[in-house]
Amino acid sequence: MRKHAFLVGAIAGLLVAMASISWAAINLNSSKSNIYRMVYPTNVVTPTQADATLRELDQIAPKRDVSEATLRGVLRKHGVSVDRLKKIILGTDGTIIVLENPADEAQAAQFLKIEMKY
């Protein structure tokens, strides 16, 4: 009986963890870029906008030296409501994190760590 209760508790905990992660959908987009990887909120930036942004950044800033102003301009050019983006993090390794809610930073960073393993 004790094993059964533990198993039910573990499954319930897993379901709660999965539900809490899914409410704040964040996507990693690196498929179209040779240099940059971007984590973005899917309710602000679409995959098409992210692809177009990364392709353009490859052309205008090919050495991972993009500035926040340049990034905001490129995002705006591709139809992103940049006023909704409250925090932008530019990594020296070409990683870009754009956040609508700065509290999501830890989740975005964790998402990058998970994706980088593969």
C-alpha atoms as a PDB file:
ATOM      1  CA  MET A   1       0.000   0.000   0.000  1.00  0.00           C
ATOM      2  CA  ARG A   2       2.841   2.356   0.849  1.00  0.00           C
ATOM      3  CA  LYS A   3       4.460   1.784  -2.574  1.00  0.00           C
ATOM      4  CA  HIS A   4       1.162   2.495  -4.284  1.00  0.00           C
ATOM      5  CA  ALA A   5       0.748   5.794  -2.423  1.00  0.00           C
ATOM      6  CA  PHE A   6       4.306   6.804  -3.305  1.00  0.00           C
ATOM      7  CA  LEU A   7       3.738   5.981  -6.987  1.00  0.00           C
ATOM      8  CA  VAL A   8       0.491   7.975  -7.100  1.00  0.00           C
ATOM      9  CA  GLY A   9       2.223  10.915  -5.400  1.00  0.00           C
ATOM     10  CA  ALA A  10       5.139  10.803  -7.835  1.00  0.00           C
ATOM     11  CA  ILE A  11       2.825  10.742 -10.853  1.00  0.00           C
ATOM     12  CA  ALA A  12       0.758  13.608  -9.450  1.00  0.00           C
ATOM     13  CA  GLY A  13       3.927  15.617  -8.850  1.00  0.00           C
ATOM     14  CA  LEU A  14       5.075  14.988 -12.407  1.00  0.00           C
ATOM     15  CA  LEU A  15       1.733  16.100 -13.818  1.00  0.00           C
ATOM     16  CA  VAL A  16       1.797  19.294 -11.742  1.00  0.00           C
ATOM     17  CA  ALA A  17       5.347  20.046 -12.909  1.00  0.00           C
ATOM     18  CA  MET A  18       4.397  19.513 -16.549  1.00  0.00           C
ATOM     19  CA  ALA A  19       1.348  21.737 -16.226  1.00  0.00           C
ATOM     20  CA  SER A  20       3.320  24.542 -14.582  1.00  0.00           C
ATOM     21  CA  ILE A  21       5.895  24.477 -17.375  1.00  0.00           C
ATOM     22  CA  SER A  22       3.324  24.490 -20.171  1.00  0.00           C
ATOM     23  CA  TRP A  23       1.508  27.661 -19.089  1.00  0.00           C
ATOM     24  CA  ALA A  24       4.466  29.831 -20.014  1.00  0.00           C
ATOM     25  CA  ALA A  25       5.345  28.496 -23.420  1.00  0.00           C
ATOM     26  CA  ILE A  26       8.868  29.388 -24.413  1.00  0.00           C
ATOM     27  CA  ASN A  27      10.411  28.211 -27.619  1.00  0.00           C
ATOM     28  CA  LEU A  28      14.013  27.726 -28.698  1.00  0.00           C
ATOM     29  CA  ASN A  29      14.633  28.573 -32.324  1.00  0.00           C
ATOM     30  CA  SER A  30      17.988  27.794 -33.870  1.00  0.00           C
ATOM     31  CA  SER A  31      17.061  25.823 -36.964  1.00  0.00           C
ATOM     32  CA  LYS A  32      17.616  28.592 -39.502  1.00  0.00           C
ATOM     33  CA  SER A  33      20.652  30.292 -37.975  1.00  0.00           C
ATOM     34  CA  ASN A  34      24.295  29.370 -38.096  1.00  0.00           C
ATOM     35  CA  ILE A  35      25.246  31.736 -35.303  1.00  0.00           C
ATOM     36  CA  TYR A  36      22.311  32.703 -33.127  1.00  0.00           C
ATOM     37  CA  ARG A  37      19.843  30.794 -30.950  1.00  0.00           C
ATOM     38  CA  MET A  38      16.809  32.562 -29.586  1.00  0.00           C
ATOM     39  CA  VAL A  39      14.465  31.712 -26.740  1.00  0.00           C
ATOM     40  CA  TYR A  40      11.219  33.633 -26.988  1.00  0.00           C
ATOM     41  CA  PRO A  41       7.653  33.677 -25.657  1.00  0.00           C
ATOM     42  CA  THR A  42       5.381  32.101 -28.241  1.00  0.00           C
ATOM     43  CA  ASN A  43       2.554  34.517 -27.494  1.00  0.00           C
ATOM     44  CA  VAL A  44       4.719  37.466 -28.640  1.00  0.00           C
ATOM     45  CA  VAL A  45       7.040  36.014 -31.297  1.00  0.00           C
ATOM     46  CA  THR A  46       5.932  33.417 -33.838  1.00  0.00           C
ATOM     47  CA  PRO A  47       8.315  30.770 -35.180  1.00  0.00           C
ATOM     48  CA  THR A  48       8.184  32.471 -38.595  1.00  0.00           C
ATOM     49  CA  GLN A  49       9.169  35.825 -37.063  1.00  0.00           C
ATOM     50  CA  ALA A  50      11.957  34.165 -35.091  1.00  0.00           C
ATOM     51  CA  ASP A  51      13.323  32.417 -38.212  1.00  0.00           C
ATOM     52  CA  ALA A  52      13.302  35.649 -40.204  1.00  0.00           C
ATOM     53  CA  THR A  53      14.973  37.529 -37.343  1.00  0.00           C
ATOM     54  CA  LEU A  54      17.734  34.948 -36.969  1.00  0.00           C
ATOM     55  CA  ARG A  55      18.413  34.863 -40.714  1.00  0.00           C
ATOM     56  CA  GLU A  56      18.708  38.635 -40.803  1.00  0.00           C
ATOM     57  CA  LEU A  57      20.972  38.725 -37.745  1.00  0.00           C
ATOM     58  CA  ASP A  58      23.260  36.198 -39.455  1.00  0.00           C
ATOM     59  CA  GLN A  59      23.630  38.701 -42.295  1.00  0.00           C
ATOM     60  CA  ILE A  60      24.034  41.964 -40.366  1.00  0.00           C
ATOM     61  CA  ALA A  61      25.879  40.784 -37.245  1.00  0.00           C
ATOM     62  CA  PRO A  62      27.725  37.582 -38.185  1.00  0.00           C
ATOM     63  CA  LYS A  63      30.173  37.664 -35.273  1.00  0.00           C
ATOM     64  CA  ARG A  64      27.697  37.463 -32.419  1.00  0.00           C
ATOM     65  CA  ASP A  65      28.017  41.178 -31.768  1.00  0.00           C
ATOM     66  CA  VAL A  66      24.373  42.194 -32.075  1.00  0.00           C
ATOM     67  CA  SER A  67      23.187  45.025 -29.839  1.00  0.00           C
ATOM     68  CA  GLU A  68      19.846  45.193 -28.085  1.00  0.00           C
ATOM     69  CA  ALA A  69      18.837  48.167 -30.252  1.00  0.00           C
ATOM     70  CA  THR A  70      19.673  46.240 -33.428  1.00  0.00           C
ATOM     71  CA  LEU A  71      17.754  43.202 -32.218  1.00  0.00           C
ATOM     72  CA  ARG A  72      14.702  45.288 -31.324  1.00  0.00           C
ATOM     73  CA  GLY A  73      14.815  46.921 -34.763  1.00  0.00           C
ATOM     74  CA  VAL A  74      14.996  43.577 -36.567  1.00  0.00           C
ATOM     75  CA  LEU A  75      12.197  42.113 -34.446  1.00  0.00           C
ATOM     76  CA  ARG A  76      10.050  45.193 -35.132  1.00  0.00           C
ATOM     77  CA  LYS A  77      10.792  44.901 -38.867  1.00  0.00           C
ATOM     78  CA  HIS A  78       9.415  41.353 -38.802  1.00  0.00           C
ATOM     79  CA  GLY A  79       6.203  42.373 -37.043  1.00  0.00           C
ATOM     80  CA  VAL A  80       6.999  41.642 -33.389  1.00  0.00           C
ATOM     81  CA  SER A  81       5.433  43.943 -30.781  1.00  0.00           C
ATOM     82  CA  VAL A  82       8.747  44.828 -29.145  1.00  0.00           C
ATOM     83  CA  ASP A  83       7.031  46.986 -26.528  1.00  0.00           C
ATOM     84  CA  ARG A  84       5.742  43.722 -25.015  1.00  0.00           C
ATOM     85  CA  LEU A  85       9.307  42.455 -24.537  1.00  0.00           C
ATOM     86  CA  LYS A  86      10.360  43.530 -21.061  1.00  0.00           C
ATOM     87  CA  LYS A  87      13.786  41.884 -20.898  1.00  0.00           C
ATOM     88  CA  ILE A  88      16.379  40.950 -23.507  1.00  0.00           C
ATOM     89  CA  ILE A  89      19.515  38.975 -22.678  1.00  0.00           C
ATOM     90  CA  LEU A  90      22.307  38.770 -25.259  1.00  0.00           C
ATOM     91  CA  GLY A  91      24.807  36.016 -24.566  1.00  0.00           C
ATOM     92  CA  THR A  92      28.351  36.099 -25.893  1.00  0.00           C
ATOM     93  CA  ASP A  93      27.771  32.662 -27.445  1.00  0.00           C
ATOM     94  CA  GLY A  94      25.026  33.926 -29.772  1.00  0.00           C
ATOM     95  CA  THR A  95      22.207  33.075 -27.384  1.00  0.00           C
ATOM     96  CA  ILE A  96      19.343  35.558 -27.314  1.00  0.00           C
ATOM     97  CA  ILE A  97      16.615  35.415 -24.683  1.00  0.00           C
ATOM     98  CA  VAL A  98      13.631  37.718 -25.125  1.00  0.00           C
ATOM     99  CA  LEU A  99      11.054  37.776 -22.342  1.00  0.00           C
ATOM    100  CA  GLU A 100       7.624  39.265 -21.908  1.00  0.00           C
ATOM    101  CA  ASN A 101       7.841  38.530 -18.184  1.00  0.00           C
ATOM    102  CA  PRO A 102      11.281  38.947 -16.552  1.00  0.00           C
ATOM    103  CA  ALA A 103      10.275  36.335 -13.969  1.00  0.00           C
ATOM    104  CA  ASP A 104      10.534  33.714 -16.733  1.00  0.00           C
ATOM    105  CA  GLU A 105      14.315  34.159 -17.008  1.00  0.00           C
ATOM    106  CA  ALA A 106      15.165  31.086 -14.931  1.00  0.00           C
ATOM    107  CA  GLN A 107      12.796  28.924 -16.982  1.00  0.00           C
ATOM    108  CA  ALA A 108      14.288  30.207 -20.249  1.00  0.00           C
ATOM    109  CA  ALA A 109      17.832  29.568 -19.034  1.00  0.00           C
ATOM    110  CA  GLN A 110      16.864  26.067 -17.920  1.00  0.00           C
ATOM    111  CA  PHE A 111      15.294  25.428 -21.312  1.00  0.00           C
ATOM    112  CA  LEU A 112      18.594  26.348 -22.965  1.00  0.00           C
ATOM    113  CA  LYS A 113      20.526  23.978 -20.723  1.00  0.00           C
ATOM    114  CA  ILE A 114      18.180  21.127 -21.589  1.00  0.00           C
ATOM    115  CA  GLU A 115      18.393  21.824 -25.323  1.00  0.00           C
ATOM    116  CA  MET A 116      22.169  22.223 -25.307  1.00  0.00           C
ATOM    117  CA  LYS A 117      22.692  18.636 -24.119  1.00  0.00           C
ATOM    118  CA  TYR A 118      21.569  17.228 -27.462  1.00  0.00           C
END
